[in-house]
Structures are given as structure tokens and as C-alpha cells.
Amino acid sequence: MNDYQREELVALGVQSVGDNVKIHRSVLFFDPARIAIGSNVRIDAYAVVTGSLKRDVLIGNNVHVGFGAFLCGGGGITIEDFVNISARVMLFSTSDTDGRGLLGPVVPGEFRAPVFSSRIVLAGRGKSPISGRFLGILKATAD
């Protein structure tokens, strides 16, 4: 089988794992103690989920994260129930810029904000919502 077993995700140190979770073995987790995964979640191959020392990545129930998606949770990410994150979507809750120029990967906390996705959201492939964004109910980003 190409999916992680629940026990393997727990052994990796994931904060919590719901029931009926299908996560491909190629998915990379960074700071897994800050990542919580709900029930009926599928994360496809080559996705990356990055927690943070200060903020959590919370994935709700009935969520699909597509092939090659990137969830950068430095400022926190909340994905509520019934959300589909399509292939190659990148969610950044931190930024390397403050609008005046590049700052690098050690951006001060005041320039970080969570990304929040409410229920029933479809994020189209290749999109990159950034820090402080809200993806609302029944809002879809088109290709």
C-alpha cells in the first residue's frame, strides 16, 4: 500500500489523526507536532505540509489535498470541513516580503497571519493564497 498507516502518522509525531485518513507516503511533513488531521482526509502524492513552532496547521474533516499541494503553516493554516485544495495549490501563511523588499525566511511575527479556509471551498490548481487571506464559503478560484 502506498498510503501511511495511522500508527505511522502517530509515530511521525502528528498532533492528531482522525479516522479513514489516506495520505500517500511521498507526502512530506515538517514540524508534525503542529499538524492536526481530521477524519475522511485524503492527501495526494508529493504534497508538503509544514507546521510551525508557534502556529498549527489544522485540517478538518472530509478534506482533499491534491497532488503537489504546499501548505506552509508558519503563520497558521485552518482548513475547515468539506474543502478541496486542488493540485499544485500553495497556501502561504508567511511571506518573505513586507511590501518594501525581500526579507528572507526569518520574517518577524507581525508580518505573519493565518490563512483560513471555511467550509465548502474549492481552491483551483496552481493558485497561491498568501498570509492573512480568507477563502470563504462556496468561493472558488478559477483557472
Protein backbone atom coordinates (compact mmCIF):
# COMPACT_ATOMS: atom_id res chain seq x y z
CA MET A 1 0.00 0.00 0.00
CA ASN A 2 1.29 3.48 -0.85
CA ASP A 3 -0.52 5.24 2.00
CA TYR A 4 0.67 5.83 5.55
CA GLN A 5 -0.97 3.71 8.21
CA ARG A 6 -2.49 5.59 11.15
CA GLU A 7 0.17 4.20 13.50
CA GLU A 8 2.92 5.52 11.21
CA LEU A 9 1.47 9.04 11.27
CA VAL A 10 1.29 8.91 15.06
CA ALA A 11 4.91 7.68 15.16
CA LEU A 12 5.94 10.63 12.96
CA GLY A 13 4.59 12.84 15.74
CA VAL A 14 1.48 14.25 14.03
CA GLN A 15 -0.57 16.10 16.68
CA SER A 16 -3.77 14.17 15.94
CA VAL A 17 -5.14 11.89 13.23
CA GLY A 18 -8.82 11.16 12.58
CA ASP A 19 -10.42 8.06 11.08
CA ASN A 20 -10.36 7.00 7.43
CA VAL A 21 -7.26 9.03 6.56
CA LYS A 22 -5.46 8.29 3.28
CA ILE A 23 -2.10 10.03 2.95
CA HIS A 24 0.38 8.98 0.27
CA ARG A 25 3.84 8.02 1.52
CA SER A 26 5.51 10.70 -0.62
CA VAL A 27 3.82 13.47 1.41
CA LEU A 28 6.37 15.41 3.48
CA PHE A 29 5.59 16.67 6.98
CA PHE A 30 7.70 19.31 8.72
CA ASP A 31 7.08 20.08 12.41
CA PRO A 32 4.39 17.35 12.55
CA ALA A 33 3.62 18.05 16.23
CA ARG A 34 1.87 21.22 14.98
CA ILE A 35 -0.25 19.39 12.36
CA ALA A 36 -3.74 18.05 13.19
CA ILE A 37 -5.61 15.92 10.63
CA GLY A 38 -9.36 15.28 10.81
CA SER A 39 -11.38 12.29 9.59
CA ASN A 40 -12.07 11.32 5.97
CA VAL A 41 -9.00 13.21 4.75
CA ARG A 42 -7.03 12.40 1.63
CA ILE A 43 -3.65 13.97 0.85
CA ASP A 44 -2.27 13.01 -2.54
CA ALA A 45 1.30 12.33 -3.63
CA TYR A 46 4.09 14.89 -3.29
CA ALA A 47 2.18 17.34 -1.11
CA VAL A 48 4.11 19.20 1.59
CA VAL A 49 2.58 20.17 4.95
CA THR A 50 4.70 22.46 7.10
CA GLY A 51 3.78 23.16 10.70
CA SER A 52 5.40 25.87 12.77
CA LEU A 53 6.95 26.16 16.18
CA LYS A 54 4.28 28.73 17.08
CA ARG A 55 1.14 28.05 14.98
CA ASP A 56 -0.79 24.96 13.95
CA VAL A 57 -1.92 23.57 10.63
CA LEU A 58 -5.45 22.28 11.24
CA ILE A 59 -7.03 20.09 8.56
CA GLY A 60 -10.74 19.46 9.13
CA ASN A 61 -12.99 16.55 8.13
CA ASN A 62 -13.82 15.49 4.57
CA VAL A 63 -10.85 17.37 3.11
CA HIS A 64 -8.92 16.55 -0.04
CA VAL A 65 -5.43 17.99 -0.63
CA GLY A 66 -4.35 17.43 -4.22
CA PHE A 67 -1.14 16.29 -5.86
CA GLY A 68 1.84 18.55 -5.16
CA ALA A 69 -0.03 21.00 -2.91
CA PHE A 70 2.08 23.02 -0.48
CA LEU A 71 0.69 24.11 2.90
CA CYS A 72 3.21 26.47 4.54
CA GLY A 73 1.86 26.94 8.04
CA GLY A 74 4.41 29.33 9.58
CA GLY A 75 1.58 31.73 10.45
CA GLY A 76 -1.05 29.02 10.92
CA ILE A 77 -3.50 27.43 8.48
CA THR A 78 -7.04 26.30 9.27
CA ILE A 79 -8.85 24.22 6.67
CA GLU A 80 -12.41 23.54 7.78
CA ASP A 81 -14.66 20.65 6.71
CA PHE A 82 -15.55 19.83 3.08
CA VAL A 83 -12.65 21.70 1.48
CA ASN A 84 -10.82 20.67 -1.67
CA ILE A 85 -7.31 22.02 -2.22
CA SER A 86 -6.52 21.14 -5.85
CA ALA A 87 -3.23 20.03 -7.36
CA ARG A 88 -0.28 22.41 -7.03
CA VAL A 89 -2.13 24.93 -4.87
CA MET A 90 0.21 26.68 -2.45
CA LEU A 91 -1.10 28.20 0.79
CA PHE A 92 1.43 30.53 2.43
CA SER A 93 0.73 31.87 5.90
CA THR A 94 4.09 33.63 5.98
CA SER A 95 5.69 35.89 3.43
CA ASP A 96 9.23 36.83 2.51
CA THR A 97 8.21 40.44 1.88
CA ASP A 98 6.70 43.31 3.83
CA GLY A 99 5.91 45.27 0.65
CA ARG A 100 9.24 47.12 0.74
CA GLY A 101 11.52 44.27 -0.36
CA LEU A 102 12.56 40.73 0.36
CA LEU A 103 13.31 39.93 3.98
CA GLY A 104 14.23 36.27 3.77
CA PRO A 105 12.83 33.33 5.72
CA VAL A 106 13.09 34.94 9.18
CA VAL A 107 10.20 37.38 8.85
CA PRO A 108 9.16 38.95 12.20
CA GLY A 109 5.88 37.76 13.70
CA GLU A 110 3.98 40.99 12.98
CA PHE A 111 4.24 40.22 9.26
CA ARG A 112 2.66 36.78 9.65
CA ALA A 113 -1.03 35.99 9.60
CA PRO A 114 -3.05 32.81 9.43
CA VAL A 115 -4.70 31.52 6.28
CA PHE A 116 -8.23 30.36 6.99
CA SER A 117 -10.48 28.35 4.74
CA SER A 118 -14.11 27.93 5.71
CA ARG A 119 -16.41 25.08 4.73
CA ILE A 120 -17.10 24.05 1.17
CA VAL A 121 -14.20 25.79 -0.58
CA LEU A 122 -12.63 24.76 -3.87
CA ALA A 123 -9.15 26.17 -4.43
CA GLY A 124 -8.21 25.81 -8.11
CA ARG A 125 -4.98 24.24 -9.30
CA GLY A 126 -1.82 26.28 -9.26
CA LYS A 127 -3.21 29.07 -7.03
CA SER A 128 -1.26 30.65 -4.16
CA PRO A 129 -3.33 32.41 -1.47
CA ILE A 130 -0.94 34.13 0.95
CA SER A 131 -0.77 35.33 4.53
CA GLY A 132 -3.88 36.88 6.01
CA ARG A 133 -6.25 35.59 3.32
CA PHE A 134 -9.66 34.08 3.89
CA LEU A 135 -11.16 31.63 1.42
CA GLY A 136 -14.89 31.92 2.05
CA ILE A 137 -17.91 29.66 1.88
CA LEU A 138 -18.66 28.48 -1.65
CA LYS A 139 -15.92 30.68 -3.06
CA ALA A 140 -13.90 29.04 -5.80
CA THR A 141 -10.78 30.27 -7.52
CA ALA A 142 -10.97 29.64 -11.25
CA ASP A 143 -8.11 28.58 -13.50
